PDB file of N, CA and C in Angstrom:
ATOM      1  N   MET A   1     160.434  78.753  53.831  1.00  0.00           N
ATOM      2  CA  MET A   1     159.600  79.809  53.843  1.00  0.00           C
ATOM      3  C   MET A   1     159.217  80.034  55.157  1.00  0.00           C
ATOM      4  N   SER A   2     159.375  81.352  55.941  1.00  0.00           N
ATOM      5  CA  SER A   2     158.952  81.619  57.023  1.00  0.00           C
ATOM      6  C   SER A   2     157.467  82.095  57.089  1.00  0.00           C
ATOM      7  N   SER A   3     156.705  81.889  58.033  1.00  0.00           N
ATOM      8  CA  SER A   3     155.434  82.141  58.253  1.00  0.00           C
ATOM      9  C   SER A   3     154.980  82.813  59.304  1.00  0.00           C
ATOM     10  N   THR A   4     153.641  83.209  59.291  1.00  0.00           N
ATOM     11  CA  THR A   4     153.135  84.034  60.302  1.00  0.00           C
ATOM     12  C   THR A   4     151.804  83.709  60.381  1.00  0.00           C
ATOM     13  N   PHE A   5     151.037  84.450  61.276  1.00  0.00           N
ATOM     14  CA  PHE A   5     149.439  84.016  61.348  1.00  0.00           C
ATOM     15  C   PHE A   5     148.815  85.480  61.009  1.00  0.00           C
ATOM     16  N   CYS A   6     147.656  85.296  60.358  1.00  0.00           N
ATOM     17  CA  CYS A   6     146.598  86.548  59.887  1.00  0.00           C
ATOM     18  C   CYS A   6     146.141  86.886  61.154  1.00  0.00           C
ATOM     19  N   HIS A   7     145.882  88.205  61.392  1.00  0.00           N
ATOM     20  CA  HIS A   7     145.447  88.975  62.367  1.00  0.00           C
ATOM     21  C   HIS A   7     143.873  88.562  62.430  1.00  0.00           C
ATOM     22  N   ARG A   8     143.178  88.489  61.427  1.00  0.00           N
ATOM     23  CA  ARG A   8     141.931  88.348  61.277  1.00  0.00           C
ATOM     24  C   ARG A   8     141.280  86.925  61.402  1.00  0.00           C
ATOM     25  N   CYS A   9     141.755  86.160  60.325  1.00  0.00           N
ATOM     26  CA  CYS A   9     141.480  84.687  60.205  1.00  0.00           C
ATOM     27  C   CYS A   9     142.312  83.717  61.010  1.00  0.00           C
ATOM     28  N   GLN A  10     143.326  84.096  61.716  1.00  0.00           N
ATOM     29  CA  GLN A  10     144.221  83.222  62.194  1.00  0.00           C
ATOM     30  C   GLN A  10     144.928  82.092  61.448  1.00  0.00           C
ATOM     31  N   ARG A  11     144.749  82.137  60.293  1.00  0.00           N
ATOM     32  CA  ARG A  11     145.709  81.085  59.296  1.00  0.00           C
ATOM     33  C   ARG A  11     146.914  81.407  59.233  1.00  0.00           C
ATOM     34  N   GLN A  12     147.746  80.431  58.976  1.00  0.00           N
ATOM     35  CA  GLN A  12     149.095  80.607  58.602  1.00  0.00           C
ATOM     36  C   GLN A  12     149.303  80.926  57.166  1.00  0.00           C
ATOM     37  N   VAL A  13     150.118  82.192  57.211  1.00  0.00           N
ATOM     38  CA  VAL A  13     150.426  82.756  55.743  1.00  0.00           C
ATOM     39  C   VAL A  13     151.997  83.003  55.685  1.00  0.00           C
ATOM     40  N   ASP A  14     152.463  83.281  54.513  1.00  0.00           N
ATOM     41  CA  ASP A  14     153.951  83.555  54.377  1.00  0.00           C
ATOM     42  C   ASP A  14     154.259  84.975  54.822  1.00  0.00           C
ATOM     43  N   SER A  15     155.344  84.860  55.442  1.00  0.00           N
ATOM     44  CA  SER A  15     155.796  86.182  56.237  1.00  0.00           C
ATOM     45  C   SER A  15     155.766  87.345  55.490  1.00  0.00           C
ATOM     46  N   GLN A  16     156.198  87.254  53.911  1.00  0.00           N
ATOM     47  CA  GLN A  16     156.206  88.271  53.105  1.00  0.00           C
ATOM     48  C   GLN A  16     154.951  88.630  52.300  1.00  0.00           C
ATOM     49  N   ALA A  17     153.901  87.783  52.534  1.00  0.00           N
ATOM     50  CA  ALA A  17     152.678  88.383  51.892  1.00  0.00           C
ATOM     51  C   ALA A  17     152.018  89.646  52.082  1.00  0.00           C
ATOM     52  N   VAL A  18     151.830  90.188  51.335  1.00  0.00           N
ATOM     53  CA  VAL A  18     151.155  91.592  51.593  1.00  0.00           C
ATOM     54  C   VAL A  18     149.590  91.680  52.073  1.00  0.00           C
ATOM     55  N   THR A  19     148.994  90.769  51.536  1.00  0.00           N
ATOM     56  CA  THR A  19     147.619  90.602  52.030  1.00  0.00           C
ATOM     57  C   THR A  19     147.193  89.001  52.184  1.00  0.00           C
ATOM     58  N   CYS A  20     146.352  88.818  53.412  1.00  0.00           N
ATOM     59  CA  CYS A  20     146.086  87.448  53.402  1.00  0.00           C
ATOM     60  C   CYS A  20     145.608  86.656  52.148  1.00  0.00           C
ATOM     61  N   PRO A  21     145.716  85.583  51.942  1.00  0.00           N
ATOM     62  CA  PRO A  21     145.301  84.894  50.522  1.00  0.00           C
ATOM     63  C   PRO A  21     143.809  84.362  50.946  1.00  0.00           C
ATOM     64  N   TYR A  22     143.372  84.323  52.348  1.00  0.00           N
ATOM     65  CA  TYR A  22     142.445  83.883  52.579  1.00  0.00           C
ATOM     66  C   TYR A  22     141.156  84.922  52.910  1.00  0.00           C
ATOM     67  N   CYS A  23     141.421  85.639  53.587  1.00  0.00           N
ATOM     68  CA  CYS A  23     140.385  86.821  53.805  1.00  0.00           C
ATOM     69  C   CYS A  23     140.774  88.095  53.446  1.00  0.00           C
ATOM     70  N   GLN A  24     141.980  88.474  52.599  1.00  0.00           N
ATOM     71  CA  GLN A  24     142.262  89.584  52.243  1.00  0.00           C
ATOM     72  C   GLN A  24     142.429  90.744  53.280  1.00  0.00           C
ATOM     73  N   ALA A  25     143.040  90.392  54.366  1.00  0.00           N
ATOM     74  CA  ALA A  25     143.500  91.355  55.211  1.00  0.00           C
ATOM     75  C   ALA A  25     144.736  91.702  54.807  1.00  0.00           C
ATOM     76  N   GLU A  26     144.999  93.189  55.032  1.00  0.00           N
ATOM     77  CA  GLU A  26     146.134  93.744  54.651  1.00  0.00           C
ATOM     78  C   GLU A  26     147.253  93.409  55.929  1.00  0.00           C
ATOM     79  N   LEU A  27     148.397  92.766  55.660  1.00  0.00           N
ATOM     80  CA  LEU A  27     149.415  92.322  56.551  1.00  0.00           C
ATOM     81  C   LEU A  27     150.271  93.318  56.359  1.00  0.00           C
ATOM     82  N   LYS A  28     150.831  93.939  55.273  1.00  0.00           N
ATOM     83  CA  LYS A  28     152.097  94.942  55.324  1.00  0.00           C
ATOM     84  C   LYS A  28     151.442  96.011  54.909  1.00  0.00           C
ATOM     85  N   ALA A  29     152.194  97.403  55.528  1.00  0.00           N
ATOM     86  CA  ALA A  29     151.792  98.738  55.274  1.00  0.00           C
ATOM     87  C   ALA A  29     151.868  99.110  53.868  1.00  0.00           C
ATOM     88  N   PHE A  30     151.073  99.654  53.425  1.00  0.00           N
ATOM     89  CA  PHE A  30     151.346 100.461  52.032  1.00  0.00           C
ATOM     90  C   PHE A  30     151.326  99.531  50.924  1.00  0.00           C
ATOM     91  N   GLY A  31     151.367  98.267  50.738  1.00  0.00           N
ATOM     92  CA  GLY A  31     151.282  96.993  50.086  1.00  0.00           C
ATOM     93  C   GLY A  31     152.940  96.619  49.559  1.00  0.00           C
ATOM     94  N   HIS A  32     153.372  97.186  50.502  1.00  0.00           N
ATOM     95  CA  HIS A  32     154.938  96.689  50.575  1.00  0.00           C
ATOM     96  C   HIS A  32     155.391  95.752  51.448  1.00  0.00           C
ATOM     97  N   PRO A  33     155.983  94.702  50.945  1.00  0.00           N
ATOM     98  CA  PRO A  33     156.603  93.378  51.698  1.00  0.00           C
ATOM     99  C   PRO A  33     157.598  93.758  52.859  1.00  0.00           C
ATOM    100  N   GLY A  34     158.259  94.928  52.660  1.00  0.00           N
ATOM    101  CA  GLY A  34     159.116  95.352  53.569  1.00  0.00           C
ATOM    102  C   GLY A  34     159.002  96.078  54.804  1.00  0.00           C
ATOM    103  N   ILE A  35     157.630  96.552  54.927  1.00  0.00           N
ATOM    104  CA  ILE A  35     157.109  97.537  55.697  1.00  0.00           C
ATOM    105  C   ILE A  35     155.857  96.775  56.837  1.00  0.00           C
ATOM    106  N   THR A  36     156.704  96.638  57.875  1.00  0.00           N
ATOM    107  CA  THR A  36     155.802  95.615  58.835  1.00  0.00           C
ATOM    108  C   THR A  36     154.628  96.492  59.520  1.00  0.00           C
ATOM    109  N   LEU A  37     153.409  96.010  59.404  1.00  0.00           N
ATOM    110  CA  LEU A  37     152.183  96.522  59.984  1.00  0.00           C
ATOM    111  C   LEU A  37     152.094  96.346  61.387  1.00  0.00           C
ATOM    112  N   HIS A  38     152.316  96.911  62.483  1.00  0.00           N
ATOM    113  CA  HIS A  38     152.183  96.339  63.704  1.00  0.00           C
ATOM    114  C   HIS A  38     150.495  96.448  64.248  1.00  0.00           C
ATOM    115  N   ARG A  39     149.933  95.556  64.843  1.00  0.00           N
ATOM    116  CA  ARG A  39     148.681  95.753  65.655  1.00  0.00           C
ATOM    117  C   ARG A  39     148.743  95.343  66.823  1.00  0.00           C
ATOM    118  N   ALA A  40     147.286  96.384  67.510  1.00  0.00           N
ATOM    119  CA  ALA A  40     147.529  95.950  69.011  1.00  0.00           C
ATOM    120  C   ALA A  40     146.400  94.725  68.795  1.00  0.00           C
ATOM    121  N   GLN A  41     146.656  94.057  70.033  1.00  0.00           N
ATOM    122  CA  GLN A  41     145.592  93.161  70.335  1.00  0.00           C
ATOM    123  C   GLN A  41     144.454  93.340  71.045  1.00  0.00           C
ATOM    124  N   GLY A  42     143.382  92.935  70.715  1.00  0.00           N
ATOM    125  CA  GLY A  42     142.070  93.272  71.258  1.00  0.00           C
ATOM    126  C   GLY A  42     141.815  94.714  71.290  1.00  0.00           C
ATOM    127  N   ASP A  43     141.288  95.148  72.597  1.00  0.00           N
ATOM    128  CA  ASP A  43     140.692  96.369  72.735  1.00  0.00           C
ATOM    129  C   ASP A  43     142.093  97.430  73.227  1.00  0.00           C
ATOM    130  N   ARG A  44     143.167  96.665  73.138  1.00  0.00           N
ATOM    131  CA  ARG A  44     144.624  97.646  73.667  1.00  0.00           C
ATOM    132  C   ARG A  44     144.984  98.623  72.551  1.00  0.00           C
ATOM    133  N   TYR A  45     145.822  99.398  73.112  1.00  0.00           N
ATOM    134  CA  TYR A  45     146.560 100.440  72.096  1.00  0.00           C
ATOM    135  C   TYR A  45     147.908  99.949  71.973  1.00  0.00           C
ATOM    136  N   LEU A  46     148.629 100.486  70.961  1.00  0.00           N
ATOM    137  CA  LEU A  46     149.955 100.035  70.984  1.00  0.00           C
ATOM    138  C   LEU A  46     150.839 101.365  71.475  1.00  0.00           C
ATOM    139  N   CYS A  47     150.453 102.358  71.646  1.00  0.00           N
ATOM    140  CA  CYS A  47     151.284 103.499  71.955  1.00  0.00           C
ATOM    141  C   CYS A  47     151.789 103.413  73.476  1.00  0.00           C
ATOM    142  N   PRO A  48     150.918 102.746  74.538  1.00  0.00           N
ATOM    143  CA  PRO A  48     151.600 102.878  75.719  1.00  0.00           C
ATOM    144  C   PRO A  48     152.873 101.808  76.140  1.00  0.00           C
ATOM    145  N   GLY A  49     153.171 100.992  74.904  1.00  0.00           N
ATOM    146  CA  GLY A  49     154.194 100.221  75.067  1.00  0.00           C
ATOM    147  C   GLY A  49     155.393 100.559  74.160  1.00  0.00           C
ATOM    148  N   CYS A  50     155.283 101.744  73.500  1.00  0.00           N
ATOM    149  CA  CYS A  50     156.006 102.083  72.396  1.00  0.00           C
ATOM    150  C   CYS A  50     157.037 103.063  72.792  1.00  0.00           C
ATOM    151  N   THR A  51     158.603 102.756  72.377  1.00  0.00           N
ATOM    152  CA  THR A  51     159.553 103.643  72.685  1.00  0.00           C
ATOM    153  C   THR A  51     159.363 105.252  72.435  1.00  0.00           C
ATOM    154  N   TYR A  52     158.710 105.201  70.991  1.00  0.00           N
ATOM    155  CA  TYR A  52     158.545 106.750  70.614  1.00  0.00           C
ATOM    156  C   TYR A  52     157.527 107.557  71.494  1.00  0.00           C
ATOM    157  N   ASP A  53     156.533 106.637  71.990  1.00  0.00           N
ATOM    158  CA  ASP A  53     155.686 107.260  72.823  1.00  0.00           C
ATOM    159  C   ASP A  53     156.215 107.878  74.309  1.00  0.00           C
ATOM    160  N   ARG A  54     157.234 107.018  74.732  1.00  0.00           N
ATOM    161  CA  ARG A  54     157.655 107.172  75.993  1.00  0.00           C
ATOM    162  C   ARG A  54     158.999 108.290  75.938  1.00  0.00           C
ATOM    163  N   ASP A  55     159.366 108.456  74.931  1.00  0.00           N
ATOM    164  CA  ASP A  55     160.420 109.744  74.795  1.00  0.00           C
ATOM    165  C   ASP A  55     159.620 110.712  74.039  1.00  0.00           C
ATOM    166  N   ASP A  56     158.307 110.938  73.696  1.00  0.00           N
ATOM    167  CA  ASP A  56     157.809 111.970  73.261  1.00  0.00           C
ATOM    168  C   ASP A  56     158.276 112.202  71.838  1.00  0.00           C
ATOM    169  N   SER A  57     158.845 111.378  70.949  1.00  0.00           N
ATOM    170  CA  SER A  57     159.210 111.702  69.718  1.00  0.00           C
ATOM    171  C   SER A  57     158.124 111.253  68.451  1.00  0.00           C
ATOM    172  N   CYS A  58     157.084 110.860  69.054  1.00  0.00           N
ATOM    173  CA  CYS A  58     156.231 110.275  67.943  1.00  0.00           C
ATOM    174  C   CYS A  58     155.440 111.198  67.483  1.00  0.00           C
ATOM    175  N   ASN A  59     155.194 111.296  66.340  1.00  0.00           N
ATOM    176  CA  ASN A  59     154.305 112.413  65.419  1.00  0.00           C
ATOM    177  C   ASN A  59     153.162 111.760  64.754  1.00  0.00           C
ATOM    178  N   PHE A  60     152.698 110.580  65.081  1.00  0.00           N
ATOM    179  CA  PHE A  60     152.082 109.785  64.260  1.00  0.00           C
ATOM    180  C   PHE A  60     150.445 110.299  64.652  1.00  0.00           C
ATOM    181  N   PRO A  61     149.739 110.622  63.598  1.00  0.00           N
ATOM    182  CA  PRO A  61     148.218 111.517  64.131  1.00  0.00           C
ATOM    183  C   PRO A  61     147.359 110.629  64.813  1.00  0.00           C
ATOM    184  N   GLN A  62     147.532 109.579  65.054  1.00  0.00           N
ATOM    185  CA  GLN A  62     146.493 108.581  65.896  1.00  0.00           C
ATOM    186  C   GLN A  62     146.867 108.435  67.294  1.00  0.00           C
ATOM    187  N   ARG A  63     148.110 108.983  67.523  1.00  0.00           N
ATOM    188  CA  ARG A  63     148.871 108.906  69.045  1.00  0.00           C
ATOM    189  C   ARG A  63     147.895 109.339  69.886  1.00  0.00           C
ATOM    190  N   PRO A  64     147.524 109.137  71.202  1.00  0.00           N
ATOM    191  CA  PRO A  64     148.060 107.626  71.816  1.00  0.00           C
ATOM    192  C   PRO A  64     146.833 106.798  71.816  1.00  0.00           C
ATOM    193  N   PHE A  65     146.310 106.862  70.577  1.00  0.00           N
ATOM    194  CA  PHE A  65     145.263 105.539  70.403  1.00  0.00           C
ATOM    195  C   PHE A  65     145.376 104.769  69.380  1.00  0.00           C
ATOM    196  N   ALA A  66     146.557 104.844  68.889  1.00  0.00           N
ATOM    197  CA  ALA A  66     146.993 103.894  67.641  1.00  0.00           C
ATOM    198  C   ALA A  66     146.729 102.400  67.908  1.00  0.00           C
ATOM    199  N   LYS A  67     145.949 102.004  66.729  1.00  0.00           N
ATOM    200  CA  LYS A  67     145.744 100.206  66.975  1.00  0.00           C
ATOM    201  C   LYS A  67     146.626  99.883  65.888  1.00  0.00           C
ATOM    202  N   GLU A  68     147.056 100.577  64.756  1.00  0.00           N
ATOM    203  CA  GLU A  68     148.013 100.005  63.901  1.00  0.00           C
ATOM    204  C   GLU A  68     149.104 101.124  63.530  1.00  0.00           C
ATOM    205  N   CYS A  69     150.290 100.460  63.412  1.00  0.00           N
ATOM    206  CA  CYS A  69     151.179 101.565  63.280  1.00  0.00           C
ATOM    207  C   CYS A  69     152.752 100.785  62.382  1.00  0.00           C
ATOM    208  N   THR A  70     153.157 101.644  61.817  1.00  0.00           N
ATOM    209  CA  THR A  70     154.354 101.195  61.107  1.00  0.00           C
ATOM    210  C   THR A  70     155.383 101.315  61.881  1.00  0.00           C
ATOM    211  N   LEU A  71     155.707 102.319  62.711  1.00  0.00           N
ATOM    212  CA  LEU A  71     156.951 102.653  63.400  1.00  0.00           C
ATOM    213  C   LEU A  71     157.151 102.010  64.861  1.00  0.00           C
ATOM    214  N   TYR A  72     156.121 101.092  65.114  1.00  0.00           N
ATOM    215  CA  TYR A  72     155.931 100.664  66.473  1.00  0.00           C
ATOM    216  C   TYR A  72     157.511  99.971  66.990  1.00  0.00           C
ATOM    217  N   ASP A  73     157.762 100.266  67.984  1.00  0.00           N
ATOM    218  CA  ASP A  73     159.109  99.786  68.631  1.00  0.00           C
ATOM    219  C   ASP A  73     159.029  99.364  70.137  1.00  0.00           C
ATOM    220  N   ASP A  74     158.957  98.217  70.389  1.00  0.00           N
ATOM    221  CA  ASP A  74     158.437  97.580  71.665  1.00  0.00           C
ATOM    222  C   ASP A  74     159.492  98.101  72.709  1.00  0.00           C
ATOM    223  N   TRP A  75     159.263  98.941  73.844  1.00  0.00           N
ATOM    224  CA  TRP A  75     160.024  99.499  74.562  1.00  0.00           C
ATOM    225  C   TRP A  75     160.441  98.252  75.650  1.00  0.00           C
ATOM    226  N   GLU A  76     159.790  97.544  76.122  1.00  0.00           N
ATOM    227  CA  GLU A  76     160.092  96.430  76.969  1.00  0.00           C
ATOM    228  C   GLU A  76     161.086  95.554  76.346  1.00  0.00           C
ATOM    229  N   GLN A  77     160.887  95.076  75.204  1.00  0.00           N
ATOM    230  CA  GLN A  77     162.199  94.324  74.191  1.00  0.00           C
ATOM    231  C   GLN A  77     163.301  95.103  74.107  1.00  0.00           C
ATOM    232  N   ARG A  78     163.192  96.421  74.099  1.00  0.00           N
ATOM    233  CA  ARG A  78     164.480  97.235  73.497  1.00  0.00           C
ATOM    234  C   ARG A  78     165.369  97.126  75.054  1.00  0.00           C
ATOM    235  N   GLN A  79     164.419  97.348  76.269  1.00  0.00           N
ATOM    236  CA  GLN A  79     165.211  97.430  77.582  1.00  0.00           C
ATOM    237  C   GLN A  79     165.924  95.740  77.775  1.00  0.00           C
ATOM    238  N   ASN A  80     165.125  94.824  77.507  1.00  0.00           N
ATOM    239  CA  ASN A  80     165.652  93.570  77.747  1.00  0.00           C
ATOM    240  C   ASN A  80     167.075  93.317  76.945  1.00  0.00           C
ATOM    241  N   LYS A  81     166.959  93.710  75.675  1.00  0.00           N
ATOM    242  CA  LYS A  81     168.113  93.791  74.881  1.00  0.00           C
ATOM    243  C   LYS A  81     169.407  94.724  75.467  1.00  0.00           C
ATOM    244  N   ARG A  82     169.143  95.653  76.019  1.00  0.00           N
ATOM    245  CA  ARG A  82     170.124  96.659  76.826  1.00  0.00           C
ATOM    246  C   ARG A  82     170.556  96.012  77.951  1.00  0.00           C
ATOM    247  N   MET A  83     169.765  95.357  78.607  1.00  0.00           N
ATOM    248  CA  MET A  83     170.065  94.684  79.932  1.00  0.00           C
ATOM    249  C   MET A  83     171.106  93.361  79.431  1.00  0.00           C
ATOM    250  N   ALA A  84     170.836  92.778  78.534  1.00  0.00           N
ATOM    251  CA  ALA A  84     171.697  91.509  78.063  1.00  0.00           C
ATOM    252  C   ALA A  84     173.194  92.163  77.525  1.00  0.00           C
ATOM    253  N   ALA A  85     172.949  93.354  76.843  1.00  0.00           N
ATOM    254  CA  ALA A  85     174.165  93.695  76.085  1.00  0.00           C
ATOM    255  C   ALA A  85     175.149  94.614  77.224  1.00  0.00           C
ATOM    256  N   THR A  86     174.634  94.934  78.255  1.00  0.00           N
ATOM    257  CA  THR A  86     175.280  95.527  79.249  1.00  0.00           C
ATOM    258  C   THR A  86     176.122  94.300  80.463  1.00  0.00           C
ATOM    259  N   GLN A  87     175.477  93.081  80.558  1.00  0.00           N
ATOM    260  CA  GLN A  87     175.948  91.994  81.194  1.00  0.00           C
ATOM    261  C   GLN A  87     177.308  91.770  80.674  1.00  0.00           C
ATOM    262  N   GLN A  88     178.283  91.624  81.698  1.00  0.00           N
ATOM    263  CA  GLN A  88     179.445  91.334  81.275  1.00  0.00           C
ATOM    264  C   GLN A  88     179.638  89.807  81.056  1.00  0.00           C
ATOM    265  N   PRO A  89     180.381  89.238  79.786  1.00  0.00           N
ATOM    266  CA  PRO A  89     180.409  87.669  79.907  1.00  0.00           C
ATOM    267  C   PRO A  89     181.678  87.517  80.795  1.00  0.00           C
ATOM    268  N   SER A  90     181.517  85.981  80.979  1.00  0.00           N
ATOM    269  CA  SER A  90     182.461  85.273  81.883  1.00  0.00           C
ATOM    270  C   SER A  90     183.763  85.375  81.405  1.00  0.00           C
ATOM    271  N   TRP A  91     184.855  84.854  82.347  1.00  0.00           N
ATOM    272  CA  TRP A  91     186.172  85.077  81.772  1.00  0.00           C
ATOM    273  C   TRP A  91     186.444  84.267  80.781  1.00  0.00           C
ATOM    274  N   GLY A  92     186.101  82.995  80.939  1.00  0.00           N
ATOM    275  CA  GLY A  92     186.292  82.300  79.944  1.00  0.00           C
ATOM    276  C   GLY A  92     185.816  82.718  78.610  1.00  0.00           C
ATOM    277  N   LYS A  93     184.656  82.898  78.608  1.00  0.00           N
ATOM    278  CA  LYS A  93     184.177  83.695  77.036  1.00  0.00           C
ATOM    279  C   LYS A  93     184.944  84.538  76.541  1.00  0.00           C
ATOM    280  N   ARG A  94     185.381  85.732  77.757  1.00  0.00           N
ATOM    281  CA  ARG A  94     186.161  86.690  77.030  1.00  0.00           C
ATOM    282  C   ARG A  94     187.249  86.319  76.533  1.00  0.00           C
ATOM    283  N   LEU A  95     188.035  85.603  76.918  1.00  0.00           N
ATOM    284  CA  LEU A  95     189.276  84.866  76.411  1.00  0.00           C
ATOM    285  C   LEU A  95     188.991  83.860  75.083  1.00  0.00           C
ATOM    286  N   GLN A  96     187.828  83.468  75.193  1.00  0.00           N
ATOM    287  CA  GLN A  96     187.436  82.751  73.910  1.00  0.00           C
ATOM    288  C   GLN A  96     187.303  83.699  72.647  1.00  0.00           C
ATOM    289  N   ILE A  97     186.665  84.833  72.967  1.00  0.00           N
ATOM    290  CA  ILE A  97     186.431  85.841  72.267  1.00  0.00           C
ATOM    291  C   ILE A  97     187.803  86.533  71.506  1.00  0.00           C
ATOM    292  N   TRP A  98     188.910  86.627  72.942  1.00  0.00           N
ATOM    293  CA  TRP A  98     190.045  87.236  72.507  1.00  0.00           C
ATOM    294  C   TRP A  98     190.884  86.113  71.441  1.00  0.00           C
ATOM    295  N   MET A  99     190.773  85.127  71.929  1.00  0.00           N
ATOM    296  CA  MET A  99     191.820  84.118  71.228  1.00  0.00           C
ATOM    297  C   MET A  99     191.388  84.098  69.676  1.00  0.00           C
ATOM    298  N   ARG A 100     189.843  83.990  69.222  1.00  0.00           N
ATOM    299  CA  ARG A 100     189.491  84.185  68.130  1.00  0.00           C
ATOM    300  C   ARG A 100     189.687  85.354  67.398  1.00  0.00           C
ATOM    301  N   ARG A 101     189.849  86.348  67.963  1.00  0.00           N
ATOM    302  CA  ARG A 101     190.187  87.887  67.455  1.00  0.00           C
ATOM    303  C   ARG A 101     191.694  87.850  67.032  1.00  0.00           C
ATOM    304  N   TYR A 102     192.584  87.359  68.071  1.00  0.00           N
ATOM    305  CA  TYR A 102     193.724  87.153  67.532  1.00  0.00           C
ATOM    306  C   TYR A 102     194.424  86.156  67.309  1.00  0.00           C
ATOM    307  N   GLN A 103     193.854  85.294  66.502  1.00  0.00           N
ATOM    308  CA  GLN A 103     194.140  83.821  66.151  1.00  0.00           C
ATOM    309  C   GLN A 103     195.579  84.103  65.309  1.00  0.00           C
ATOM    310  N   SER A 104     195.543  84.933  64.608  1.00  0.00           N
ATOM    311  CA  SER A 104     196.876  85.054  63.500  1.00  0.00           C
ATOM    312  C   SER A 104     198.133  85.310  64.589  1.00  0.00           C
ATOM    313  N   LEU A 105     197.619  86.315  65.346  1.00  0.00           N
ATOM    314  CA  LEU A 105     198.782  86.692  66.356  1.00  0.00           C
ATOM    315  C   LEU A 105     199.172  85.528  67.070  1.00  0.00           C
ATOM    316  N   LEU A 106     198.407  84.688  67.592  1.00  0.00           N
ATOM    317  CA  LEU A 106     198.604  83.449  68.252  1.00  0.00           C
ATOM    318  C   LEU A 106     199.637  82.392  67.502  1.00  0.00           C
ATOM    319  N   LEU A 107     199.133  82.254  66.190  1.00  0.00           N
ATOM    320  CA  LEU A 107     199.989  81.550  65.214  1.00  0.00           C
ATOM    321  C   LEU A 107     201.292  81.665  65.043  1.00  0.00           C
ATOM    322  N   ILE A 108     201.474  82.950  64.594  1.00  0.00           N
ATOM    323  CA  ILE A 108     202.957  83.580  64.509  1.00  0.00           C
ATOM    324  C   ILE A 108     203.843  83.490  65.796  1.00  0.00           C
ATOM    325  N   CYS A 109     203.142  83.732  67.168  1.00  0.00           N
ATOM    326  CA  CYS A 109     203.725  83.413  68.257  1.00  0.00           C
ATOM    327  C   CYS A 109     204.152  82.121  68.575  1.00  0.00           C
ATOM    328  N   GLY A 110     203.267  81.316  68.343  1.00  0.00           N
ATOM    329  CA  GLY A 110     203.600  79.451  68.482  1.00  0.00           C
ATOM    330  C   GLY A 110     204.653  79.259  67.375  1.00  0.00           C
ATOM    331  N   LEU A 111     204.406  79.514  66.273  1.00  0.00           N
ATOM    332  CA  LEU A 111     205.470  79.096  65.165  1.00  0.00           C
ATOM    333  C   LEU A 111     206.738  79.956  65.865  1.00  0.00           C
ATOM    334  N   LEU A 112     207.011  81.163  66.087  1.00  0.00           N
ATOM    335  CA  LEU A 112     208.339  81.431  66.681  1.00  0.00           C
ATOM    336  C   LEU A 112     208.815  80.877  67.905  1.00  0.00           C
ATOM    337  N   ILE A 113     207.953  80.394  68.756  1.00  0.00           N
ATOM    338  CA  ILE A 113     208.289  79.472  69.749  1.00  0.00           C
ATOM    339  C   ILE A 113     208.679  78.052  69.378  1.00  0.00           C
ATOM    340  N   ILE A 114     208.290  77.572  68.279  1.00  0.00           N
ATOM    341  CA  ILE A 114     208.493  76.398  67.663  1.00  0.00           C
ATOM    342  C   ILE A 114     210.113  76.409  67.239  1.00  0.00           C
ATOM    343  N   CYS A 115     210.325  77.834  66.590  1.00  0.00           N
ATOM    344  CA  CYS A 115     211.530  77.872  65.814  1.00  0.00           C
ATOM    345  C   CYS A 115     212.677  78.138  66.790  1.00  0.00           C
ATOM    346  N   LEU A 116     212.516  78.772  67.975  1.00  0.00           N
ATOM    347  CA  LEU A 116     213.436  78.796  69.332  1.00  0.00           C
ATOM    348  C   LEU A 116     213.675  77.600  69.795  1.00  0.00           C
ATOM    349  N   ILE A 117     212.747  76.657  69.854  1.00  0.00           N
ATOM    350  CA  ILE A 117     213.117  75.479  70.416  1.00  0.00           C
ATOM    351  C   ILE A 117     213.974  74.560  69.646  1.00  0.00           C
ATOM    352  N   ILE A 118     214.021  74.525  68.241  1.00  0.00           N
ATOM    353  CA  ILE A 118     214.439  73.715  67.317  1.00  0.00           C
ATOM    354  C   ILE A 118     215.939  74.525  67.328  1.00  0.00           C
ATOM    355  N   VAL A 119     216.070  75.852  67.455  1.00  0.00           N
ATOM    356  CA  VAL A 119     217.292  76.418  67.392  1.00  0.00           C
ATOM    357  C   VAL A 119     218.255  76.117  68.547  1.00  0.00           C
ATOM    358  N   ILE A 120     217.432  76.144  69.709  1.00  0.00           N
ATOM    359  CA  ILE A 120     218.009  75.801  70.965  1.00  0.00           C
ATOM    360  C   ILE A 120     218.643  74.424  71.091  1.00  0.00           C
ATOM    361  N   SER A 121     217.678  73.604  70.503  1.00  0.00           N
ATOM    362  CA  SER A 121     217.817  72.090  70.622  1.00  0.00           C
ATOM    363  C   SER A 121     218.959  71.711  69.721  1.00  0.00           C
ATOM    364  N   ALA A 122     219.261  72.204  68.578  1.00  0.00           N
ATOM    365  CA  ALA A 122     220.424  72.149  67.566  1.00  0.00           C
ATOM    366  C   ALA A 122     221.453  72.894  68.398  1.00  0.00           C
ATOM    367  N   SER A 123     221.578  73.577  69.051  1.00  0.00           N
ATOM    368  CA  SER A 123     222.893  73.924  69.399  1.00  0.00           C
ATOM    369  C   SER A 123     223.954  73.221  70.401  1.00  0.00           C
TER     370      SER A 123
END
């Protein structure tokens, strides 16, 4: 069971819980366990850090003063993922990925080399 903390009473609750069993605070949007309800901390707003606000594609009525949103996408987190994805892996890591991808081809080539060695040594 994965867990999270209630924003109101700060108690640990199941991450799939729709409402907090202790204070009855709404944890998921529209009573659906699959829709995460993002909340701003303290007196801050969600919009300044949201990807949709930055590219001006947000159509949320409470924009730019939303404290709760179902579509919130953290812009900084997305930028960090992009930076990590664009970094080139080391030569050894690339070789390891290539060997894993072409494992069957390497096995066939190895068997062919062994067969050639046997044929040459038998002659």
